[in-house]
Amino acid sequence: MASAPFTVSQERKIVTELPGPKSRELHELRRRVVSRGAGTLADIYMDHGSGAILVDVDGNQIIDLGCGIGVTTIGHAHPAIAAAAAEQAGKLTHTLFTVTPYENYLRVAEKLAEITPGDFEKHSILVNSGAEAVENAVKIARKFTGRRAIAALDHAFHGRTNLTMAMTYRPWPERAGMGPFPGEIYSVPTSYPFRDPEGMTGLEAAERTIDYINTHIGATELAALFVEPIQGDGGIVIPADGFFQRLSEFCTENGIVFVADEIQAGIARSGAWYSIEHSGVVPDLITSAKGIAGGFPLAAVTGRAEIMDAVQPGGIGGTFGGNPVSTAAALAVFRLIEEENLIAEAQRVEKAFFARMGDWASKYAVVGEVRGKGCMFGVELVHPGTRTPNPEALSAVIKHATSNGVIVLDAGSWDSVLRFLPSVVISDELIDDAATVIEEALQALEP
């Protein structure tokens, strides 16, 4: 494991019931001052953290398998990130790059051109969040192609703004009552090996997608196809081999911009800089966010220079995009990933998860499949003897895990996938401890 300097012992330690008394007190304040629309998975209020451990306001040490939904990939409160941000905050916190530029923005764009797939000239724009990156990728693709239609895969999650909600698959809770949404947004079939017809190959699934595009949209009308190489909120869905290769070819043949949305799976989380690399595909545009700046708000669109430069000056941008402090943190993240060989650490975590949890589908009737790549894992829960989604089981597992000091995430179009997005610095011992807690819940669900 990487030798990250931890300020909290890397162990689960429960000293009060969860949530504890101070968390319950804060939760009452929350009820009075925060919109209920900002729902919470676990009503446990955090004070600090280090590595893969969070410490709540009552002093409980909790194993974090969520990382703020994939943000703290390199671990909580890494001293190198804190130092880089503090140094920059003491020099310059804001000028707005499109008014008076600064070097950090350029260095982040330079690094993104280096680490994203493809041996061609690439340009970037920096923004605040994943949804904003997706919105800008839509604008760029439409401007470049002169077309309006946008396609996203079934089970996709691309954000919570009005446009990105239209690109997000499931209606509840993100989209319910939020419309109307923009037009010319289409959802097309994906490859979902656990739920596809038995034996369907990635190529066959791609031809199904292509047929849908041709018959429901028209290839010559489509500006861009957005794909998540590993669908996070969709349930850690990893398409069958050959799926993305064929779709990429189809896009090239028809002048469609192929966009890899790497907001959750990118920046070393999957055991590569970007998860599309596992497919051997080079996208035209790629979006980055979440893990890019160690917890500071930053996102990017990177892609072929001729596509990125199709937009007129002033056509894309924003007040806080590429903020000096966030970009300083991002540069520190890039250095740490390389110096600590954190891509290899993500591969270590993958092996540890499969070694510890890979047999759950054969041990527990409620587990349909365990799947994952790097530090992204999903456990699909079903009604025993079927492939029918089991959201009740997911709720029970999450409740047991959080009340025993393990933060996990929900996922899936049917709310039936247990999702793990741990830090790459999580130890094998913490993985084993967390798995033991989750196994207690799975065992209680056995018929």
Protein backbone atom coordinates (compact mmCIF):
# COMPACT_ATOMS: atom_id res chain seq x y z
CA MET A 1 0.00 0.00 0.00
CA ALA A 2 1.12 3.58 -0.66
CA SER A 3 2.89 5.21 2.26
CA ALA A 4 0.48 8.12 2.68
CA PRO A 5 0.98 10.12 5.90
CA PHE A 6 -2.13 9.34 7.94
CA THR A 7 -3.18 11.53 10.87
CA VAL A 8 -5.84 9.05 12.01
CA SER A 9 -5.21 5.36 12.69
CA GLN A 10 -6.54 3.29 9.80
CA GLU A 11 -9.03 1.25 11.78
CA ARG A 12 -12.76 1.18 12.50
CA LYS A 13 -13.48 2.28 16.05
CA ILE A 14 -17.00 2.73 17.42
CA VAL A 15 -17.31 4.62 20.72
CA THR A 16 -21.02 5.57 20.64
CA GLU A 17 -24.09 4.30 18.91
CA LEU A 18 -24.43 5.59 15.34
CA PRO A 19 -25.63 8.25 14.86
CA GLY A 20 -24.16 9.49 18.12
CA PRO A 21 -25.56 12.21 20.39
CA LYS A 22 -23.70 15.10 18.75
CA SER A 23 -24.75 13.90 15.30
CA ARG A 24 -28.37 13.72 16.45
CA GLU A 25 -28.13 17.24 17.82
CA LEU A 26 -26.76 18.54 14.53
CA HIS A 27 -29.44 16.66 12.65
CA GLU A 28 -32.11 18.58 14.50
CA LEU A 29 -30.44 21.81 13.39
CA ARG A 30 -30.36 20.46 9.85
CA ARG A 31 -34.12 19.86 9.94
CA ARG A 32 -34.62 23.52 10.82
CA VAL A 33 -32.30 25.13 8.27
CA VAL A 34 -31.60 22.79 5.30
CA SER A 35 -33.98 21.88 2.50
CA ARG A 36 -35.21 18.29 2.75
CA GLY A 37 -34.41 18.03 -0.96
CA ALA A 38 -30.75 17.70 0.03
CA GLY A 39 -31.27 14.18 1.31
CA THR A 40 -28.62 12.24 3.22
CA LEU A 41 -27.74 8.55 3.11
CA ALA A 42 -26.33 8.44 6.66
CA ASP A 43 -27.20 11.02 9.34
CA ILE A 44 -23.69 10.85 10.79
CA TYR A 45 -21.90 14.21 10.88
CA MET A 46 -18.19 14.19 10.13
CA ASP A 47 -15.48 16.25 11.79
CA HIS A 48 -12.27 15.16 10.07
CA GLY A 49 -10.66 12.29 8.23
CA SER A 50 -7.45 10.78 6.96
CA GLY A 51 -6.82 8.14 4.33
CA ALA A 52 -9.81 5.79 4.21
CA ILE A 53 -11.14 6.72 7.66
CA LEU A 54 -13.67 9.42 8.59
CA VAL A 55 -14.05 10.60 12.20
CA ASP A 56 -17.48 11.88 13.20
CA VAL A 57 -18.32 14.59 15.72
CA ASP A 58 -18.72 11.92 18.43
CA GLY A 59 -15.26 10.47 17.86
CA ASN A 60 -16.27 7.34 15.95
CA GLN A 61 -13.81 6.16 13.29
CA ILE A 62 -15.69 5.01 10.23
CA ILE A 63 -14.51 3.12 7.15
CA ASP A 64 -15.34 5.23 4.10
CA LEU A 65 -16.25 3.16 1.04
CA GLY A 66 -17.91 6.13 -0.62
CA CYS A 67 -15.29 8.90 -0.84
CA GLY A 68 -17.99 11.55 -1.18
CA ILE A 69 -19.15 9.60 -4.26
CA GLY A 70 -15.72 9.08 -5.73
CA VAL A 71 -14.08 12.41 -4.89
CA THR A 72 -11.38 11.65 -2.32
CA THR A 73 -9.69 9.01 -4.44
CA ILE A 74 -6.27 9.68 -2.95
CA GLY A 75 -7.67 9.68 0.61
CA HIS A 76 -9.07 12.26 3.01
CA ALA A 77 -7.13 15.41 3.91
CA HIS A 78 -3.87 14.43 2.26
CA PRO A 79 -1.21 16.83 3.66
CA ALA A 80 0.23 17.51 0.20
CA ILE A 81 -3.16 18.67 -1.07
CA ALA A 82 -3.78 20.80 2.01
CA ALA A 83 -0.34 22.39 1.66
CA ALA A 84 -0.75 23.16 -2.04
CA ALA A 85 -4.16 24.73 -1.48
CA ALA A 86 -2.98 26.75 1.52
CA GLU A 87 0.04 28.08 -0.31
CA GLN A 88 -2.06 29.13 -3.28
CA ALA A 89 -4.75 30.67 -1.06
CA GLY A 90 -2.05 32.86 0.45
CA LYS A 91 -1.05 34.14 -2.99
CA LEU A 92 -4.17 34.40 -5.15
CA THR A 93 -7.69 33.05 -4.65
CA HIS A 94 -9.45 34.45 -7.72
CA THR A 95 -9.09 36.65 -10.77
CA LEU A 96 -11.23 34.76 -13.36
CA PHE A 97 -9.17 33.11 -16.06
CA THR A 98 -11.14 34.73 -18.90
CA VAL A 99 -10.35 38.20 -17.52
CA THR A 100 -6.77 37.96 -16.24
CA PRO A 101 -5.33 34.44 -16.66
CA TYR A 102 -2.85 32.56 -14.47
CA GLU A 103 -0.41 29.67 -14.83
CA ASN A 104 -2.18 26.96 -12.79
CA TYR A 105 -5.01 26.75 -15.32
CA LEU A 106 -2.51 26.23 -18.12
CA ARG A 107 -0.60 23.55 -16.20
CA VAL A 108 -3.77 21.57 -15.47
CA ALA A 109 -4.76 21.74 -19.15
CA GLU A 110 -1.24 20.70 -20.11
CA LYS A 111 -1.41 17.66 -17.81
CA LEU A 112 -4.88 16.69 -19.05
CA ALA A 113 -3.56 16.71 -22.61
CA GLU A 114 -0.82 14.32 -21.46
CA ILE A 115 -2.88 11.82 -19.48
CA THR A 116 -6.08 11.58 -21.55
CA PRO A 117 -6.12 8.93 -24.30
CA GLY A 118 -5.09 9.87 -27.82
CA ASP A 119 -1.92 10.98 -29.58
CA PHE A 120 -3.14 14.27 -31.04
CA GLU A 121 -3.37 17.91 -30.06
CA LYS A 122 -5.86 18.40 -27.23
CA HIS A 123 -7.34 21.48 -25.63
CA SER A 124 -9.30 21.83 -22.38
CA ILE A 125 -11.73 24.07 -20.57
CA LEU A 126 -11.94 24.04 -16.78
CA VAL A 127 -15.26 24.42 -14.96
CA ASN A 128 -16.71 23.79 -11.49
CA SER A 129 -18.54 20.45 -11.50
CA GLY A 130 -19.21 17.29 -13.43
CA ALA A 131 -22.63 18.43 -14.59
CA GLU A 132 -21.15 21.68 -15.84
CA ALA A 133 -18.50 19.73 -17.75
CA VAL A 134 -21.18 17.62 -19.41
CA GLU A 135 -23.21 20.72 -20.32
CA ASN A 136 -20.18 22.29 -21.94
CA ALA A 137 -19.36 19.08 -23.81
CA VAL A 138 -22.90 19.16 -25.23
CA LYS A 139 -22.46 22.78 -26.32
CA ILE A 140 -19.07 22.08 -27.88
CA ALA A 141 -20.31 19.01 -29.78
CA ARG A 142 -23.36 20.85 -31.09
CA LYS A 143 -21.26 23.80 -32.21
CA PHE A 144 -18.71 21.56 -33.94
CA THR A 145 -21.22 19.35 -35.76
CA GLY A 146 -24.03 21.82 -36.39
CA ARG A 147 -26.41 19.12 -35.12
CA ARG A 148 -28.76 19.19 -32.14
CA ALA A 149 -29.49 15.60 -31.06
CA ILE A 150 -27.64 14.13 -28.07
CA ALA A 151 -27.71 10.44 -27.06
CA ALA A 152 -26.82 8.89 -23.70
CA LEU A 153 -26.89 5.25 -22.66
CA ASP A 154 -29.65 3.62 -20.64
CA HIS A 155 -28.86 3.64 -16.89
CA ALA A 156 -26.68 6.74 -17.33
CA PHE A 157 -26.19 9.47 -14.79
CA HIS A 158 -24.80 12.74 -16.15
CA GLY A 159 -25.83 15.33 -13.57
CA ARG A 160 -28.60 17.31 -11.88
CA THR A 161 -28.87 20.48 -13.95
CA ASN A 162 -31.85 20.77 -16.27
CA LEU A 163 -29.91 19.61 -19.33
CA THR A 164 -27.98 16.84 -17.59
CA MET A 165 -31.13 15.57 -15.85
CA ALA A 166 -32.57 15.06 -19.32
CA MET A 167 -29.53 12.89 -20.06
CA THR A 168 -29.94 10.94 -16.80
CA TYR A 169 -31.84 7.68 -17.08
CA ARG A 170 -33.97 7.06 -14.03
CA PRO A 171 -36.80 9.42 -13.08
CA TRP A 172 -36.62 9.03 -9.29
CA PRO A 173 -35.43 10.90 -7.35
CA GLU A 174 -33.37 13.14 -9.58
CA ARG A 175 -35.91 14.09 -12.26
CA ALA A 176 -39.30 13.67 -10.61
CA GLY A 177 -41.34 16.85 -10.91
CA MET A 178 -38.42 18.84 -12.31
CA GLY A 179 -39.43 19.18 -15.98
CA PRO A 180 -39.94 20.18 -18.66
CA PHE A 181 -36.51 19.17 -19.94
CA PRO A 182 -34.67 20.21 -23.12
CA GLY A 183 -35.59 18.41 -26.32
CA GLU A 184 -33.42 16.36 -28.67
CA ILE A 185 -32.05 14.25 -25.82
CA TYR A 186 -32.32 10.48 -26.33
CA SER A 187 -31.62 7.41 -24.19
CA VAL A 188 -30.29 4.45 -26.17
CA PRO A 189 -29.69 0.80 -25.18
CA THR A 190 -26.43 -0.14 -23.49
CA SER A 191 -24.57 -3.35 -22.73
CA TYR A 192 -25.53 -4.63 -19.26
CA PRO A 193 -24.14 -8.19 -19.14
CA PHE A 194 -26.03 -9.21 -15.98
CA ARG A 195 -29.39 -8.21 -17.50
CA ASP A 196 -28.84 -8.69 -21.23
CA PRO A 197 -30.01 -11.89 -22.94
CA GLU A 198 -27.68 -14.73 -22.00
CA GLY A 199 -24.68 -14.93 -24.32
CA MET A 200 -25.10 -11.47 -25.85
CA THR A 201 -21.69 -10.16 -26.87
CA GLY A 202 -20.48 -6.60 -26.71
CA LEU A 203 -20.59 -6.39 -30.49
CA GLU A 204 -24.19 -7.60 -30.56
CA ALA A 205 -25.14 -5.09 -27.87
CA ALA A 206 -23.46 -2.32 -29.88
CA GLU A 207 -25.37 -3.26 -33.02
CA ARG A 208 -28.58 -3.06 -30.98
CA THR A 209 -27.59 0.46 -29.90
CA ILE A 210 -26.69 1.46 -33.44
CA ASP A 211 -29.99 0.14 -34.78
CA TYR A 212 -31.84 2.20 -32.18
CA ILE A 213 -29.91 5.34 -33.15
CA ASN A 214 -30.58 4.78 -36.84
CA THR A 215 -34.30 4.06 -36.41
CA HIS A 216 -35.19 6.48 -33.60
CA ILE A 217 -32.83 9.43 -34.11
CA GLY A 218 -30.93 9.19 -37.39
CA ALA A 219 -27.15 9.05 -37.39
CA THR A 220 -26.86 12.24 -39.44
CA GLU A 221 -28.90 14.12 -36.82
CA LEU A 222 -26.77 13.08 -33.86
CA ALA A 223 -24.20 15.56 -32.54
CA ALA A 224 -22.73 13.38 -29.78
CA LEU A 225 -22.98 10.04 -28.04
CA PHE A 226 -22.19 10.24 -24.32
CA VAL A 227 -20.99 7.08 -22.57
CA GLU A 228 -19.78 6.29 -19.08
CA PRO A 229 -17.19 3.55 -19.61
CA ILE A 230 -18.13 2.32 -16.13
CA GLN A 231 -21.55 3.49 -15.04
CA GLY A 232 -21.32 4.52 -11.40
CA ASP A 233 -24.80 5.61 -10.36
CA GLY A 234 -26.22 3.11 -12.85
CA GLY A 235 -24.84 0.30 -10.70
CA ILE A 236 -21.16 -0.18 -11.64
CA VAL A 237 -22.27 -1.47 -15.04
CA ILE A 238 -19.29 -2.55 -17.14
CA PRO A 239 -20.26 -3.26 -20.77
CA ALA A 240 -19.11 -6.43 -22.51
CA ASP A 241 -15.87 -6.41 -24.48
CA GLY A 242 -16.17 -4.88 -27.92
CA PHE A 243 -19.16 -2.66 -27.09
CA PHE A 244 -17.33 0.66 -27.00
CA GLN A 245 -15.01 -0.22 -29.87
CA ARG A 246 -17.94 -0.71 -32.23
CA LEU A 247 -19.77 2.39 -31.01
CA SER A 248 -16.62 4.47 -31.46
CA GLU A 249 -16.26 3.20 -35.03
CA PHE A 250 -19.89 4.01 -35.75
CA CYS A 251 -19.44 7.55 -34.42
CA THR A 252 -16.35 8.11 -36.54
CA GLU A 253 -18.11 6.79 -39.63
CA ASN A 254 -21.04 9.16 -39.11
CA GLY A 255 -19.38 12.34 -37.87
CA ILE A 256 -20.73 11.90 -34.32
CA VAL A 257 -18.66 13.18 -31.40
CA PHE A 258 -17.87 10.28 -29.07
CA VAL A 259 -17.77 11.60 -25.48
CA ALA A 260 -16.44 9.58 -22.53
CA ASP A 261 -17.97 10.85 -19.30
CA GLU A 262 -15.23 9.99 -16.80
CA ILE A 263 -16.49 12.15 -13.96
CA GLN A 264 -16.77 9.21 -11.54
CA ALA A 265 -14.44 6.61 -13.08
CA GLY A 266 -11.55 8.84 -14.16
CA ILE A 267 -8.37 10.11 -12.48
CA ALA A 268 -6.86 6.73 -11.52
CA ARG A 269 -9.97 5.27 -9.87
CA SER A 270 -10.38 2.33 -12.26
CA GLY A 271 -6.74 1.28 -12.30
CA ALA A 272 -5.93 3.53 -15.27
CA TRP A 273 -5.93 7.28 -15.66
CA TYR A 274 -9.29 6.93 -17.44
CA SER A 275 -11.59 3.91 -17.52
CA ILE A 276 -12.10 4.11 -21.30
CA GLU A 277 -8.49 2.94 -21.59
CA HIS A 278 -9.60 -0.55 -20.56
CA SER A 279 -11.59 -0.69 -23.81
CA GLY A 280 -8.73 0.50 -26.01
CA VAL A 281 -10.93 3.35 -27.28
CA VAL A 282 -9.86 6.96 -27.82
CA PRO A 283 -12.77 9.37 -27.30
CA ASP A 284 -13.15 12.69 -29.09
CA LEU A 285 -14.02 14.47 -25.83
CA ILE A 286 -13.57 13.39 -22.24
CA THR A 287 -14.99 14.90 -19.05
CA SER A 288 -13.15 14.89 -15.71
CA ALA A 289 -14.29 15.92 -12.24
CA LYS A 290 -14.71 14.38 -8.74
CA GLY A 291 -11.24 12.96 -7.99
CA ILE A 292 -9.35 15.55 -10.00
CA ALA A 293 -8.64 18.00 -7.16
CA GLY A 294 -8.73 15.96 -3.95
CA GLY A 295 -12.00 17.46 -2.72
CA PHE A 296 -11.81 20.95 -4.19
CA PRO A 297 -14.40 21.86 -6.86
CA LEU A 298 -12.95 21.42 -10.33
CA ALA A 299 -13.96 19.76 -13.58
CA ALA A 300 -12.82 19.75 -17.18
CA VAL A 301 -13.66 19.00 -20.77
CA THR A 302 -10.66 17.82 -22.77
CA GLY A 303 -10.60 16.77 -26.38
CA ARG A 304 -9.49 17.10 -29.95
CA ALA A 305 -8.29 20.64 -30.54
CA GLU A 306 -10.44 21.13 -33.65
CA ILE A 307 -13.57 20.18 -31.72
CA MET A 308 -12.75 22.17 -28.59
CA ASP A 309 -11.86 25.23 -30.69
CA ALA A 310 -15.14 25.19 -32.65
CA VAL A 311 -16.69 27.45 -30.03
CA GLN A 312 -16.20 31.20 -30.45
CA PRO A 313 -14.21 33.07 -27.75
CA GLY A 314 -16.53 33.77 -24.84
CA GLY A 315 -18.88 30.96 -25.84
CA ILE A 316 -17.82 28.79 -22.90
CA GLY A 317 -16.52 29.72 -19.47
CA GLY A 318 -17.69 30.69 -15.99
CA THR A 319 -16.75 32.81 -13.02
CA PHE A 320 -15.13 30.17 -10.84
CA GLY A 321 -14.05 27.60 -13.44
CA GLY A 322 -10.41 26.67 -12.98
CA ASN A 323 -10.13 28.58 -9.70
CA PRO A 324 -6.47 29.09 -8.65
CA VAL A 325 -6.83 27.13 -5.38
CA SER A 326 -8.64 24.21 -7.01
CA THR A 327 -6.11 24.01 -9.83
CA ALA A 328 -3.23 24.07 -7.33
CA ALA A 329 -4.87 21.11 -5.57
CA ALA A 330 -5.30 19.31 -8.89
CA LEU A 331 -1.63 19.69 -9.76
CA ALA A 332 -0.78 18.17 -6.39
CA VAL A 333 -3.17 15.28 -7.07
CA PHE A 334 -1.48 14.57 -10.41
CA ARG A 335 1.94 14.54 -8.73
CA LEU A 336 0.78 12.20 -5.96
CA ILE A 337 -0.77 9.73 -8.38
CA GLU A 338 2.54 9.46 -10.21
CA GLU A 339 4.94 9.66 -7.25
CA GLU A 340 2.94 7.19 -5.10
CA ASN A 341 2.10 4.94 -8.07
CA LEU A 342 -1.58 5.18 -7.12
CA ILE A 343 -2.81 3.63 -10.35
CA ALA A 344 -1.11 0.41 -9.21
CA GLU A 345 -2.74 0.91 -5.80
CA ALA A 346 -6.17 0.97 -7.46
CA GLN A 347 -5.28 -2.33 -9.12
CA ARG A 348 -4.27 -3.70 -5.70
CA VAL A 349 -7.63 -2.67 -4.26
CA GLU A 350 -9.42 -4.44 -7.11
CA LYS A 351 -7.59 -7.69 -6.37
CA ALA A 352 -8.32 -7.35 -2.65
CA PHE A 353 -12.03 -6.76 -3.23
CA PHE A 354 -12.39 -9.73 -5.55
CA ALA A 355 -10.39 -11.94 -3.17
CA ARG A 356 -12.64 -10.96 -0.26
CA MET A 357 -16.05 -10.50 -1.91
CA GLY A 358 -15.84 -12.20 -5.28
CA ASP A 359 -17.61 -15.35 -4.10
CA TRP A 360 -20.62 -13.61 -2.54
CA ALA A 361 -22.93 -14.56 -5.42
CA SER A 362 -22.32 -18.23 -4.64
CA LYS A 363 -22.53 -17.76 -0.84
CA TYR A 364 -25.60 -15.53 -0.49
CA ALA A 365 -28.88 -16.08 -2.32
CA VAL A 366 -29.61 -12.36 -2.29
CA VAL A 367 -26.45 -11.52 -4.27
CA GLY A 368 -26.88 -11.76 -8.02
CA GLU A 369 -23.45 -10.55 -9.09
CA VAL A 370 -20.29 -8.90 -7.79
CA ARG A 371 -18.49 -6.78 -10.38
CA GLY A 372 -15.89 -4.07 -10.44
CA LYS A 373 -12.75 -2.46 -11.75
CA GLY A 374 -10.08 -0.77 -9.69
CA CYS A 375 -11.75 1.11 -6.83
CA MET A 376 -15.27 0.78 -8.26
CA PHE A 377 -17.38 -2.19 -7.17
CA GLY A 378 -21.03 -3.09 -7.31
CA VAL A 379 -22.97 -5.89 -5.62
CA GLU A 380 -26.29 -6.43 -7.39
CA LEU A 381 -28.95 -7.61 -4.95
CA VAL A 382 -31.84 -9.76 -6.16
CA HIS A 383 -34.73 -11.76 -4.80
CA PRO A 384 -33.34 -15.26 -4.21
CA GLY A 385 -33.53 -17.56 -7.21
CA THR A 386 -34.30 -14.70 -9.62
CA ARG A 387 -32.74 -11.67 -11.24
CA THR A 388 -35.52 -9.45 -9.92
CA PRO A 389 -34.06 -6.32 -8.29
CA ASN A 390 -34.25 -6.26 -4.49
CA PRO A 391 -34.23 -2.65 -3.22
CA GLU A 392 -35.47 -3.74 0.20
CA ALA A 393 -32.33 -5.83 0.66
CA LEU A 394 -30.17 -2.88 -0.33
CA SER A 395 -31.85 -0.68 2.28
CA ALA A 396 -31.26 -3.32 4.96
CA VAL A 397 -27.58 -3.71 4.06
CA ILE A 398 -26.95 0.04 4.02
CA LYS A 399 -28.70 0.49 7.37
CA HIS A 400 -26.63 -2.26 8.98
CA ALA A 401 -23.36 -1.02 7.47
CA THR A 402 -23.78 2.62 8.46
CA SER A 403 -24.91 1.78 11.99
CA ASN A 404 -21.75 -0.30 12.37
CA GLY A 405 -19.28 2.22 11.02
CA VAL A 406 -19.02 1.47 7.30
CA ILE A 407 -20.13 4.06 4.75
CA VAL A 408 -21.42 2.46 1.55
CA LEU A 409 -23.47 3.82 -1.37
CA ASP A 410 -26.64 2.86 -3.19
CA ALA A 411 -26.83 2.65 -6.99
CA GLY A 412 -28.71 1.15 -9.90
CA SER A 413 -31.83 2.03 -11.86
CA TRP A 414 -33.86 -0.13 -9.47
CA ASP A 415 -32.02 0.97 -6.29
CA SER A 416 -30.69 -2.54 -5.89
CA VAL A 417 -26.91 -2.25 -6.26
CA LEU A 418 -24.57 -1.83 -3.31
CA ARG A 419 -21.79 0.48 -4.53
CA PHE A 420 -18.24 0.80 -3.21
CA LEU A 421 -15.97 3.70 -4.24
CA PRO A 422 -13.09 3.44 -1.75
CA SER A 423 -9.88 5.40 -1.78
CA VAL A 424 -6.90 3.85 -3.52
CA VAL A 425 -5.04 4.01 -0.18
CA ILE A 426 -7.48 1.77 1.69
CA SER A 427 -5.68 -1.16 3.30
CA ASP A 428 -6.48 -4.82 2.76
CA GLU A 429 -7.26 -5.01 6.48
CA LEU A 430 -9.93 -2.30 6.21
CA ILE A 431 -11.43 -4.04 3.18
CA ASP A 432 -11.63 -7.26 5.18
CA ASP A 433 -13.21 -5.52 8.17
CA ALA A 434 -15.79 -3.72 6.03
CA ALA A 435 -16.63 -6.94 4.20
CA THR A 436 -17.23 -8.71 7.51
CA VAL A 437 -19.75 -6.04 8.54
CA ILE A 438 -21.57 -6.28 5.22
CA GLU A 439 -21.59 -10.07 5.37
CA GLU A 440 -23.49 -9.87 8.66
CA ALA A 441 -26.27 -8.02 6.82
CA LEU A 442 -26.24 -10.42 3.87
CA GLN A 443 -26.41 -13.42 6.19
CA ALA A 444 -29.43 -11.94 7.95
CA LEU A 445 -31.21 -11.78 4.59
CA GLU A 446 -30.70 -15.46 3.79
CA PRO A 447 -34.00 -17.36 3.31
